[in-house]
Structures are given as C-alpha cells and as structure tokens.
Protein backbone atom coordinates (compact mmCIF):
# COMPACT_ATOMS: atom_id res chain seq x y z
CA MET A 1 18.25 43.16 8.11
CA ALA A 2 17.36 39.87 9.80
CA GLU A 3 20.39 38.29 10.94
CA GLU A 4 21.59 35.20 8.98
CA MET A 5 21.97 32.11 10.92
CA ASN A 6 24.41 29.82 10.54
CA ILE A 7 24.19 25.75 10.49
CA GLY A 8 26.34 25.58 13.23
CA GLN A 9 24.01 27.80 15.45
CA LEU A 10 21.66 25.54 15.48
CA ASP A 11 20.59 22.76 18.01
CA GLU A 12 22.91 19.35 17.80
CA ASN A 13 19.86 17.06 17.30
CA LEU A 14 18.39 19.40 14.54
CA ILE A 15 21.46 19.33 13.03
CA LEU A 16 22.18 15.58 13.06
CA LYS A 17 18.98 15.38 11.48
CA ILE A 18 19.72 17.62 8.54
CA LEU A 19 22.83 15.30 8.41
CA SER A 20 20.74 12.13 8.26
CA LEU A 21 18.76 13.65 4.89
CA VAL A 22 22.02 13.65 3.08
CA PRO A 23 24.33 10.91 1.04
CA ILE A 24 26.78 9.77 3.48
CA LYS A 25 29.67 10.62 1.19
CA THR A 26 28.69 14.78 2.09
CA VAL A 27 28.00 14.17 5.49
CA VAL A 28 31.59 12.32 5.70
CA SER A 29 32.89 16.01 4.03
CA THR A 30 31.81 18.09 6.31
CA SER A 31 34.54 17.02 8.51
CA VAL A 32 36.76 19.33 7.12
CA LEU A 33 34.96 22.47 7.84
CA SER A 34 35.99 23.01 11.12
CA LYS A 35 37.36 21.24 14.00
CA GLU A 36 34.06 21.24 15.68
CA TRP A 37 32.59 19.36 12.51
CA GLN A 38 35.80 16.96 12.61
CA SER A 39 34.09 14.16 14.37
CA ARG A 40 30.52 15.08 13.82
CA TRP A 41 29.54 13.02 11.22
CA LYS A 42 30.51 9.89 13.47
CA SER A 43 27.11 10.77 15.53
CA VAL A 44 24.23 10.62 12.47
CA PRO A 45 21.86 8.58 13.83
CA ASN A 46 20.67 7.65 9.98
CA LEU A 47 23.77 5.93 7.84
CA LYS A 48 22.52 5.12 3.73
CA PHE A 49 24.83 3.92 1.13
CA ASN A 50 24.68 3.45 -2.24
CA SER A 51 27.21 1.79 -4.10
CA GLU A 52 26.15 3.76 -7.28
CA ASP A 53 27.54 6.91 -5.46
CA TYR A 54 31.16 5.33 -6.05
CA GLN A 55 32.04 4.87 -9.44
CA SER A 56 35.11 6.34 -9.81
CA GLU A 57 36.67 7.78 -6.70
CA HIS A 58 39.81 7.18 -4.96
CA GLN A 59 38.20 5.41 -1.60
CA THR A 60 36.31 2.42 -2.55
CA PHE A 61 32.33 1.70 -1.59
CA SER A 62 33.47 -0.99 1.00
CA GLU A 63 36.20 1.12 3.03
CA THR A 64 33.31 3.84 3.24
CA VAL A 65 31.06 1.46 4.89
CA TYR A 66 33.68 -0.22 6.91
CA LYS A 67 35.28 3.34 7.88
CA SER A 68 31.56 4.66 8.73
CA LEU A 69 30.36 1.90 11.03
CA LEU A 70 33.64 1.44 12.91
CA SER A 71 33.75 4.89 13.56
CA TYR A 72 30.42 5.40 15.03
CA GLU A 73 29.99 6.71 18.21
CA PRO A 74 26.39 6.60 19.69
CA GLU A 75 25.16 3.34 21.10
CA VAL A 76 22.21 3.02 19.20
CA LEU A 77 21.85 3.35 15.35
CA ASP A 78 18.62 3.94 14.29
CA SER A 79 18.78 3.09 10.89
CA PHE A 80 21.07 1.32 8.36
CA HIS A 81 20.26 1.94 4.57
CA LEU A 82 22.28 -0.28 1.91
CA SER A 83 22.07 -0.34 -1.87
CA PHE A 84 24.62 -2.25 -3.03
CA GLY A 85 25.68 -4.55 -6.32
CA SER A 86 27.68 -7.49 -6.70
CA ASP A 87 30.22 -5.04 -8.38
CA LYS A 88 30.99 -3.02 -5.78
CA ALA A 89 30.35 -5.28 -2.80
CA ASP A 90 31.32 -8.75 -1.54
CA ALA A 91 28.32 -10.71 -0.02
CA VAL A 92 30.59 -11.87 2.78
CA ASP A 93 31.36 -8.11 3.53
CA VAL A 94 27.71 -7.08 3.54
CA VAL A 95 26.92 -9.78 6.05
CA HIS A 96 29.91 -8.72 8.20
CA TRP A 97 28.51 -5.02 8.17
CA ILE A 98 24.99 -6.16 8.87
CA LYS A 99 26.05 -7.81 12.00
CA THR A 100 28.47 -4.68 13.39
CA ALA A 101 25.48 -2.58 12.45
CA PHE A 102 23.25 -5.40 15.06
CA ALA A 103 25.98 -4.53 17.37
CA LEU A 104 25.06 -0.69 17.24
CA HIS A 105 21.57 -1.85 18.75
CA LEU A 106 20.07 -1.20 15.17
CA ARG A 107 16.59 -0.37 14.41
CA THR A 108 15.58 -0.34 11.12
CA LEU A 109 17.63 -2.18 8.11
CA VAL A 110 16.51 -1.39 4.95
CA LEU A 111 18.73 -3.55 2.08
CA GLU A 112 18.55 -3.47 -1.75
CA PHE A 113 20.36 -5.32 -4.20
CA LEU A 114 20.72 -3.16 -7.54
CA ILE A 115 20.03 -4.94 -10.47
CA TYR A 116 22.58 -4.23 -13.51
CA PRO A 117 22.44 -5.69 -17.03
CA TYR A 118 23.21 -8.87 -17.42
CA GLU A 119 23.84 -9.97 -13.97
CA VAL A 120 22.22 -13.02 -12.27
CA ASP A 121 23.72 -12.67 -8.95
CA GLU A 122 21.89 -12.25 -5.75
CA PHE A 123 22.35 -11.44 -2.29
CA ILE A 124 21.28 -14.11 0.47
CA PHE A 125 19.81 -13.62 3.51
CA THR A 126 20.16 -16.13 5.72
CA SER A 127 19.36 -17.27 9.20
CA SER A 128 22.38 -15.93 10.96
CA LEU A 129 20.36 -12.67 9.43
CA CYS A 130 17.25 -13.02 11.95
CA THR A 131 18.82 -12.56 15.24
CA CYS A 132 18.57 -8.91 16.09
CA ASP A 133 16.48 -8.12 19.44
CA THR A 134 16.66 -4.45 18.66
CA LEU A 135 15.54 -4.10 15.04
CA VAL A 136 11.90 -2.42 14.81
CA THR A 137 11.83 -2.31 10.61
CA LEU A 138 13.36 -4.48 8.11
CA LYS A 139 12.67 -4.00 4.40
CA LEU A 140 14.00 -6.36 1.99
CA GLY A 141 14.38 -5.25 -1.77
CA SER A 142 14.85 -6.65 -5.00
CA LEU A 143 16.84 -9.63 -5.59
CA ILE A 144 17.24 -10.25 -2.45
CA LEU A 145 17.10 -14.39 -1.80
CA VAL A 146 15.58 -15.38 1.55
CA ASP A 147 16.87 -18.65 2.44
CA ILE A 148 15.99 -19.44 6.42
CA PRO A 149 16.19 -23.22 6.89
CA ALA A 150 15.51 -22.27 10.82
CA PRO A 151 12.86 -19.58 12.73
CA GLY A 152 15.42 -16.66 13.69
CA SER A 153 14.62 -14.30 16.36
CA MET A 154 13.52 -10.80 15.95
CA LYS A 155 11.54 -10.14 18.78
CA SER A 156 11.00 -6.21 18.47
CA LEU A 157 10.57 -6.59 15.00
CA LYS A 158 7.19 -4.33 13.79
CA THR A 159 7.28 -3.84 10.23
CA LEU A 160 8.26 -5.84 7.41
CA HIS A 161 8.59 -4.99 3.66
CA LEU A 162 9.36 -7.65 1.24
CA ILE A 163 9.67 -5.88 -2.32
CA HIS A 164 10.19 -8.37 -4.93
CA ALA A 165 12.23 -10.49 -2.67
CA PHE A 166 12.93 -14.54 -3.85
CA TYR A 167 12.52 -17.36 -1.75
CA THR A 168 14.29 -20.93 -1.93
CA ASN A 169 11.00 -22.67 -0.67
CA ASP A 170 7.85 -21.96 1.52
CA GLU A 171 9.56 -23.50 4.70
CA SER A 172 11.87 -20.27 4.31
CA ILE A 173 8.79 -17.59 4.91
CA CYS A 174 7.17 -19.21 7.12
CA ASN A 175 10.48 -19.61 9.30
CA LEU A 176 10.95 -15.44 8.52
CA LEU A 177 7.40 -14.65 10.03
CA SER A 178 7.63 -17.07 12.76
CA GLY A 179 10.24 -15.53 14.19
CA CYS A 180 9.10 -11.95 14.49
CA PRO A 181 6.25 -12.31 17.61
CA ARG A 182 5.36 -8.98 17.48
CA LEU A 183 5.39 -8.22 13.67
CA GLU A 184 2.21 -5.61 12.95
CA GLU A 185 2.73 -4.69 9.87
CA LEU A 186 3.82 -6.89 6.51
CA VAL A 187 3.80 -5.63 2.89
CA VAL A 188 4.63 -8.37 -0.02
CA GLU A 189 5.11 -7.47 -3.73
CA ARG A 190 5.97 -10.15 -5.61
CA SER A 191 5.93 -10.84 -9.30
CA CYS A 192 7.58 -14.22 -11.39
CA GLU A 193 8.40 -16.65 -8.18
CA HIS A 194 9.04 -20.76 -9.53
CA SER A 195 10.16 -21.74 -6.04
CA VAL A 196 6.74 -20.95 -3.76
CA LYS A 197 3.97 -23.01 -4.10
CA PHE A 198 2.16 -21.72 -1.19
CA PHE A 199 2.62 -17.95 1.03
CA THR A 200 1.65 -18.81 3.93
CA ILE A 201 1.05 -15.80 6.28
CA LYS A 202 0.57 -17.05 10.15
CA VAL A 203 1.08 -14.38 12.35
CA PRO A 204 -1.33 -13.97 15.23
CA SER A 205 0.08 -10.06 15.98
CA LEU A 206 -0.45 -9.03 12.48
CA GLN A 207 -2.38 -5.72 12.20
CA ILE A 208 -1.67 -4.86 8.54
CA LEU A 209 -1.67 -6.54 5.39
CA ARG A 210 -0.33 -5.37 2.08
CA ILE A 211 -0.48 -7.68 -1.17
CA TYR A 212 0.57 -6.67 -4.41
CA ASP A 213 1.07 -10.09 -6.32
CA ASP A 214 1.00 -10.16 -10.57
CA ASN A 215 2.45 -13.71 -10.28
CA ASP A 216 0.72 -16.24 -12.72
CA GLU A 217 3.04 -19.22 -12.54
CA ASP A 218 1.65 -22.43 -12.79
CA GLU A 219 3.44 -23.70 -9.53
CA PHE A 220 2.22 -20.59 -7.43
CA VAL A 221 -1.00 -21.58 -5.77
CA GLY A 222 -2.48 -18.71 -3.73
CA TYR A 223 -1.98 -17.55 -0.13
CA VAL A 224 -3.16 -19.06 3.03
CA ILE A 225 -3.78 -16.05 5.81
CA ASP A 226 -4.24 -16.51 8.86
CA THR A 227 -4.45 -13.50 11.23
CA PRO A 228 -6.66 -13.29 13.95
CA SER A 229 -5.41 -9.62 14.85
CA LEU A 230 -5.57 -8.07 11.39
CA LYS A 231 -7.26 -4.81 11.12
CA TYR A 232 -6.67 -3.46 7.60
CA LEU A 233 -6.33 -5.60 4.46
CA GLU A 234 -4.77 -3.95 1.25
CA ILE A 235 -5.03 -6.57 -2.09
CA GLY A 236 -3.50 -4.47 -5.06
CA TYR A 237 -3.52 -7.19 -7.46
CA LEU A 238 -3.67 -11.12 -6.97
CA GLY A 239 -4.03 -13.56 -9.85
CA CYS A 240 -3.26 -17.16 -8.02
CA PRO A 241 -6.11 -19.36 -8.12
CA GLN A 242 -6.34 -19.86 -4.24
CA PHE A 243 -6.91 -17.38 -0.97
CA SER A 244 -7.56 -18.70 2.28
CA LEU A 245 -8.23 -15.70 4.65
CA ASN A 246 -8.82 -16.05 8.28
CA ALA A 247 -9.27 -12.38 9.72
CA PRO A 248 -12.27 -12.38 11.86
CA GLY A 249 -11.22 -8.61 13.52
CA LEU A 250 -11.00 -7.48 9.75
CA VAL A 251 -11.77 -3.40 10.25
CA ALA A 252 -11.38 -2.23 6.37
CA ALA A 253 -9.84 -3.17 2.78
CA TYR A 254 -9.19 -2.50 0.08
CA ILE A 255 -9.57 -4.95 -2.86
CA GLY A 256 -8.26 -3.99 -6.07
CA ARG A 257 -7.57 -6.54 -9.10
CA VAL A 258 -8.36 -9.83 -7.65
CA SER A 259 -9.42 -12.69 -9.57
CA ASN A 260 -10.91 -15.38 -7.10
CA VAL A 261 -13.26 -15.32 -3.90
CA ILE A 262 -12.64 -13.85 -1.04
CA SER A 263 -13.90 -15.91 2.28
CA GLU A 264 -16.55 -14.78 5.32
CA SER A 265 -13.78 -12.65 7.07
CA LEU A 266 -14.34 -9.70 4.67
CA VAL A 267 -18.37 -9.55 5.80
CA SER A 268 -16.75 -8.28 9.04
CA VAL A 269 -15.46 -4.46 7.65
CA ARG A 270 -16.72 -1.08 8.36
CA ARG A 271 -14.77 0.48 5.63
CA LEU A 272 -14.77 -1.32 2.17
CA VAL A 273 -12.71 -0.06 -1.06
CA LEU A 274 -13.32 -1.80 -4.25
CA ASN A 275 -11.57 -1.37 -7.31
CA VAL A 276 -12.18 -4.46 -9.08
CA SER A 277 -12.69 -5.94 -12.78
CA THR A 278 -16.12 -6.63 -13.48
CA SER A 279 -14.70 -10.31 -14.44
CA MET A 280 -13.16 -10.80 -11.46
CA THR A 281 -15.41 -12.46 -8.68
CA ILE A 282 -15.42 -10.86 -5.35
CA TYR A 283 -18.55 -11.75 -3.90
CA PRO A 284 -18.43 -14.01 -0.22
CA PRO A 285 -20.60 -16.93 -0.14
CA THR A 286 -24.01 -17.30 -0.23
CA GLY A 287 -25.64 -15.76 2.86
CA CYS A 288 -22.62 -13.63 3.65
CA ILE A 289 -24.13 -10.03 5.00
CA PHE A 290 -22.27 -7.06 5.32
CA TYR A 291 -23.52 -6.25 8.72
CA GLN A 292 -20.70 -3.85 10.06
CA LEU A 293 -20.22 -2.23 6.73
CA VAL A 294 -20.66 1.56 7.01
CA TYR A 295 -18.53 2.88 4.46
CA LEU A 296 -18.18 1.86 0.68
CA GLN A 297 -16.16 2.87 -2.21
CA ILE A 298 -16.56 1.41 -5.71
CA TYR A 299 -14.55 2.26 -8.82
CA THR A 300 -16.44 2.23 -11.71
CA HIS A 301 -13.80 2.11 -14.05
CA GLU A 302 -15.61 -0.85 -16.32
CA PRO A 303 -18.78 -2.00 -17.68
CA GLY A 304 -20.96 -3.85 -14.87
CA TRP A 305 -19.83 -2.33 -12.10
CA TYR A 306 -23.24 -1.34 -11.45
CA ASP A 307 -23.99 -4.85 -10.74
CA LEU A 308 -21.42 -5.00 -7.86
CA LEU A 309 -22.80 -1.58 -6.84
CA THR A 310 -26.76 -3.77 -6.86
CA TRP A 311 -25.35 -6.16 -4.97
CA MET A 312 -23.23 -4.48 -2.33
CA LEU A 313 -26.14 -2.24 -1.31
CA GLU A 314 -28.60 -5.39 -1.22
CA HIS A 315 -25.97 -6.85 1.12
CA SER A 316 -25.00 -4.06 3.65
CA PRO A 317 -28.04 -3.11 5.68
CA LYS A 318 -25.95 -0.21 7.73
CA LEU A 319 -24.22 1.86 4.63
CA GLN A 320 -23.96 5.39 5.76
CA VAL A 321 -21.51 6.62 3.51
CA LEU A 322 -21.49 5.48 -0.47
CA LYS A 323 -18.59 6.84 -2.34
CA LEU A 324 -18.28 6.05 -6.62
CA VAL A 325 -15.25 7.08 -8.20
CA GLY A 326 -15.10 7.29 -12.14
CA LYS A 327 -12.49 7.20 -14.73
CA TYR A 328 -9.48 10.06 -14.69
CA TRP A 329 -10.26 10.57 -18.12
CA ILE A 330 -13.21 9.78 -20.48
CA ASN A 331 -13.25 9.30 -24.06
CA PRO A 332 -15.90 10.91 -25.58
CA ASP A 333 -16.57 8.30 -28.27
CA TYR A 334 -17.18 5.75 -25.62
CA HIS A 335 -20.36 3.92 -25.28
CA VAL A 336 -21.47 0.98 -23.24
CA LEU A 337 -23.70 -1.45 -25.92
CA GLY A 338 -26.31 -3.84 -24.66
CA TRP A 339 -25.99 -1.91 -21.05
CA GLU A 340 -28.87 -2.68 -18.73
CA TRP A 341 -28.68 -2.11 -15.10
CA ASN A 342 -30.58 -4.71 -12.70
CA LYS A 343 -31.45 -2.64 -10.46
CA PRO A 344 -32.48 -3.88 -6.40
CA LYS A 345 -35.99 -5.93 -6.65
CA SER A 346 -36.76 -3.80 -3.57
CA VAL A 347 -35.62 -0.75 -1.93
CA PRO A 348 -32.28 -1.89 -0.02
CA GLU A 349 -33.00 -1.74 3.62
CA CYS A 350 -29.42 0.95 3.76
CA LEU A 351 -31.40 3.26 1.65
CA LEU A 352 -34.82 3.44 3.93
CA SER A 353 -32.82 4.08 6.86
CA HIS A 354 -29.01 4.59 6.78
CA LEU A 355 -27.72 6.16 4.28
CA GLU A 356 -26.52 9.33 4.81
CA THR A 357 -23.82 10.80 2.31
CA PHE A 358 -23.36 9.87 -1.32
CA VAL A 359 -20.08 11.05 -2.93
CA TRP A 360 -19.64 11.05 -6.95
CA ARG A 361 -16.40 11.56 -7.92
CA ARG A 362 -15.25 12.33 -11.54
CA TYR A 363 -18.93 11.76 -12.65
CA ASP A 364 -19.74 11.45 -16.30
CA TRP A 365 -21.80 14.14 -17.01
CA LYS A 366 -22.60 12.65 -20.66
CA GLY A 367 -23.32 9.36 -19.05
CA GLU A 368 -27.29 8.15 -19.43
CA LYS A 369 -26.32 5.03 -17.64
CA GLU A 370 -24.62 7.12 -14.56
CA GLU A 371 -28.03 9.28 -14.68
CA GLU A 372 -30.31 6.29 -14.24
CA VAL A 373 -28.36 4.88 -11.13
CA ALA A 374 -27.78 8.40 -9.53
CA THR A 375 -31.57 9.65 -9.85
CA TYR A 376 -32.09 5.97 -8.51
CA LEU A 377 -30.38 6.27 -5.24
CA LEU A 378 -31.58 10.31 -4.68
CA LYS A 379 -35.12 9.31 -5.47
CA ASN A 380 -34.53 6.28 -3.05
CA ALA A 381 -32.27 7.43 -0.21
CA ARG A 382 -34.79 8.74 2.75
CA GLY A 383 -32.16 9.45 4.88
CA LEU A 384 -29.80 11.24 2.56
CA LYS A 385 -28.23 14.23 3.78
CA ASN A 386 -25.31 15.32 1.29
CA ALA A 387 -24.85 14.17 -2.35
CA THR A 388 -22.22 15.36 -4.14
CA PHE A 389 -20.87 15.26 -7.47
CA SER A 390 -17.74 16.29 -8.80
CA THR A 391 -15.72 16.78 -12.26
CA GLY A 392 -12.82 17.98 -13.99
CA PRO A 393 -12.55 21.74 -14.55
CA ILE A 394 -13.71 22.94 -18.34
CA GLU A 395 -10.84 24.25 -20.65
CA PRO A 396 -11.83 27.39 -21.99
CA GLY A 397 -13.55 27.23 -25.61
CA GLN A 398 -15.88 23.79 -24.34
CA LEU A 399 -19.07 25.51 -24.18
CA ASP A 400 -20.62 22.43 -25.34
CA LYS A 401 -19.35 20.43 -22.70
CA LEU A 402 -20.45 23.58 -20.27
CA LYS A 403 -24.10 23.30 -21.90
CA GLN A 404 -24.44 19.57 -21.10
CA ARG A 405 -23.30 19.59 -17.58
CA CYS A 406 -25.61 22.35 -17.07
CA ARG A 407 -28.53 20.15 -18.58
CA THR A 408 -27.09 16.99 -16.39
CA ARG A 409 -27.40 19.29 -13.27
CA LYS A 410 -30.34 21.00 -14.26
CA LYS A 411 -32.11 17.11 -14.21
CA LEU A 412 -30.91 15.92 -10.85
CA ASP A 413 -31.57 19.03 -9.05
CA GLY A 414 -35.32 18.58 -10.04
CA VAL A 415 -35.41 14.97 -9.07
CA LEU A 416 -37.88 14.01 -6.69
CA LYS A 417 -35.78 13.10 -3.50
CA ALA A 418 -36.71 10.72 -0.72
CA SER A 419 -34.89 12.82 1.08
CA ASN A 420 -36.43 16.52 2.04
CA THR A 421 -32.92 17.39 4.04
CA CYS A 422 -30.76 16.30 1.00
CA HIS A 423 -28.34 19.24 0.49
CA LEU A 424 -26.84 18.36 -3.11
CA VAL A 425 -23.42 19.86 -4.40
CA PHE A 426 -21.89 20.00 -7.84
CA LYS A 427 -18.63 21.17 -7.60
CA PHE A 428 -15.10 20.93 -10.34
CA GLU A 429 -12.09 19.00 -8.65
C-alpha cells in the first residue's frame, strides 16, 4: 500500500499556495493544528476577505481583516482581495486596510462593494488610493465610485479592470489612467452611467483593451481612444453614438454588437472576428482595404451576414483563413424570406491566390443559402487546401436529419472545386 502523505510534509511554498486558495477563516483556523502551524497563516501570500462569510460569528469581519494585516510577516503581499458591504465595514476602515496593504508592497488589489437589497451606498476610490508604486494589478468592482480630482501615481500598474464602477466625471477617468504610465491591459464594463459624457482612454503603453458597454443613456456620447501601442481590441457590446479610435499598431480585434462606425485603425489587423447584427455598421470608410488581414471569423447569427462576408472578401486581398460560425441551435421552422445573396461582382483576389483554409462550424445542413455560399467558395478558391464542415451530433431516432446531411455532403463533395489539392472534411463537434 502506498504511503499516505500528510500536508505538513509538503514543501513550505506549496503549503502556502494551497492555503491561498481557501477562505481566510479556514486559513486562520489551521493555527490550532500544531505548534508549527500556529503562525503559518501569517505568511500566506494572498489574503481574501468576504464580509458575507461573517454573518453571526463572534469575531467581526473588521477585526479579522485588521488582525490578518497587522500580523502579516513577509515584506511583500501578493494580493489583497476585499469583498465588503457597508453593513460590515466602514469606509474609513477600508481605506486604512488598503493603505496598510500598500505598506506591505502589495502587487494585486481587488475591491468589490457588495450590493444588498434597498442599499444605495457606495465606496469612493479617491486619489489617496492611487499612490502605490508596487501595485501591478487593480480590479474595481460594482458600486466603486471613482473620484480622482488629481492624477495619482501607480508606476508599476500593468492591469486595470473597471467592472461596473461609477465615475464622478470625465476628469476622474483621465486622472486615473494618466497615473498609470506602464498600463498594458484595460478592461471596461459599464451599464447605466449618468455622470460621464466622454470616456477617454489615452494610454500610450496600452496593448490590450476590452470594452463591454450597454449604456444607452442620452448623456453618454461615446469613447475617445488614443492608444498607439494597442495590439488587441475586444468590444463585446457598444451602443454609444460616437467611437473614436487611434490604434495604428492594432494586430487583432473582436467586434461584437457595435452600432457605430469603426475607424481606419481597424484595417491594420491581421486577425479579425466579427459577431455583429446586420443592422449595425462596421465598415470602415470607402477605400479602406484590409491589406494585412490573414484570418477572418464571422458569426452567421442573422439574415444578412452574407453581405458582410461579400464585403470582407472583396476588401481582404491576402486572406488565408476564413471561419464561419453558425448558431448553437437552429429552429427547424426558421426560414429567411426574400433572401438573396449578392455575390462578389468578380472573384475576390483572396480566393484567387491566398485562401488556404475554410472552416464552417455549426453548419446548417438544411440551409439552401448556406449551401450556396459554401459551393461558391469551393468553386472559386484556387489555393484552398482544407475545407471543414462541422455540426452537432445526431441523436438516436433522427434518421431524417442523417439522410439530409448525407445528401448535402454528397452535393458539396461533388462540387467541381477550383483547387485540385483541397481536402474536404465533414465531422461532428
């Protein structure tokens, strides 16, 4: 029988990593295990506190946080994660805890203000909390009010997440970002916000930007983005009327649910994913060509995606990989009325010389329109090496569906392909 290993026999660093994964209450309770464990909890590199874990205990939430910070022994604290509500922690205490963590050369700070029914309180993140030169990651969550009248100093900050935080005014956003000269990644998630007119992101060092914004308030005009070093842009949703983007070095982008025009900066990308409604305009100004684009992925969720496909094929002369992604679930009674695909007037340059890989995930085997698009690509892509069509599995008893797929597969397999070396693959996901 193999010899069982006690956790106390593990390497000290490994023990501390394991303890970092469990609630702080559990970590502190290990002090009763033995004399060796009495002070081990004081060296755990990650401190995570949630006031919801302290509902009826004799020791209060505030006492636990104070005790843990004041007893901490190492000179560097890797992370301090604080989830709290106004019923368990006073704002003055929270500020004091954060500054105490800063004194321990904190590297990661996560703040989440817990929302309780009928509560309207908020925690204010002020300029005094923007003065930590060791902080590398900062994440501000719900109902954190950013009020920064003057720029701070977070010289080492590389990652900043603003998840449903609020802002007193446009200036607070600018002051927060201007105090982060090394910022590389910024995530912005917003909903209703009345106090901001323009959300300005002017960060020369920024390389990754993610925006999810379903704000449709009349007071909010849009984003002004000036990021010359930006490599990756992701927009999950954007409903504002204006969007200004200066990102000449952009390499890859994911554009979803965008209701306004994306600027010329988008045409520099090498990889592009489009998940947009056909009623939304994503085309750059007339004359813009995607000369660098080699990978394109389009989601085929709504009627009209085919026009977007045509436009992109005509304006992406060096495209090498084309991927279409269908719906997760297809209504068998769903039909598109008046559908007509406006094929390219002439065979696009990318099909004549560059396209090598074509993938269609969740392909609709019953769709006549999908078959028309697939047939056109197979007939005209001269350099195509691989064409893959995948779909979900067929459940037992779905003989009709199996027959339909066999018929469609036979049609596609029989298409006179422009490429003699094209390898056609049909598979289940």
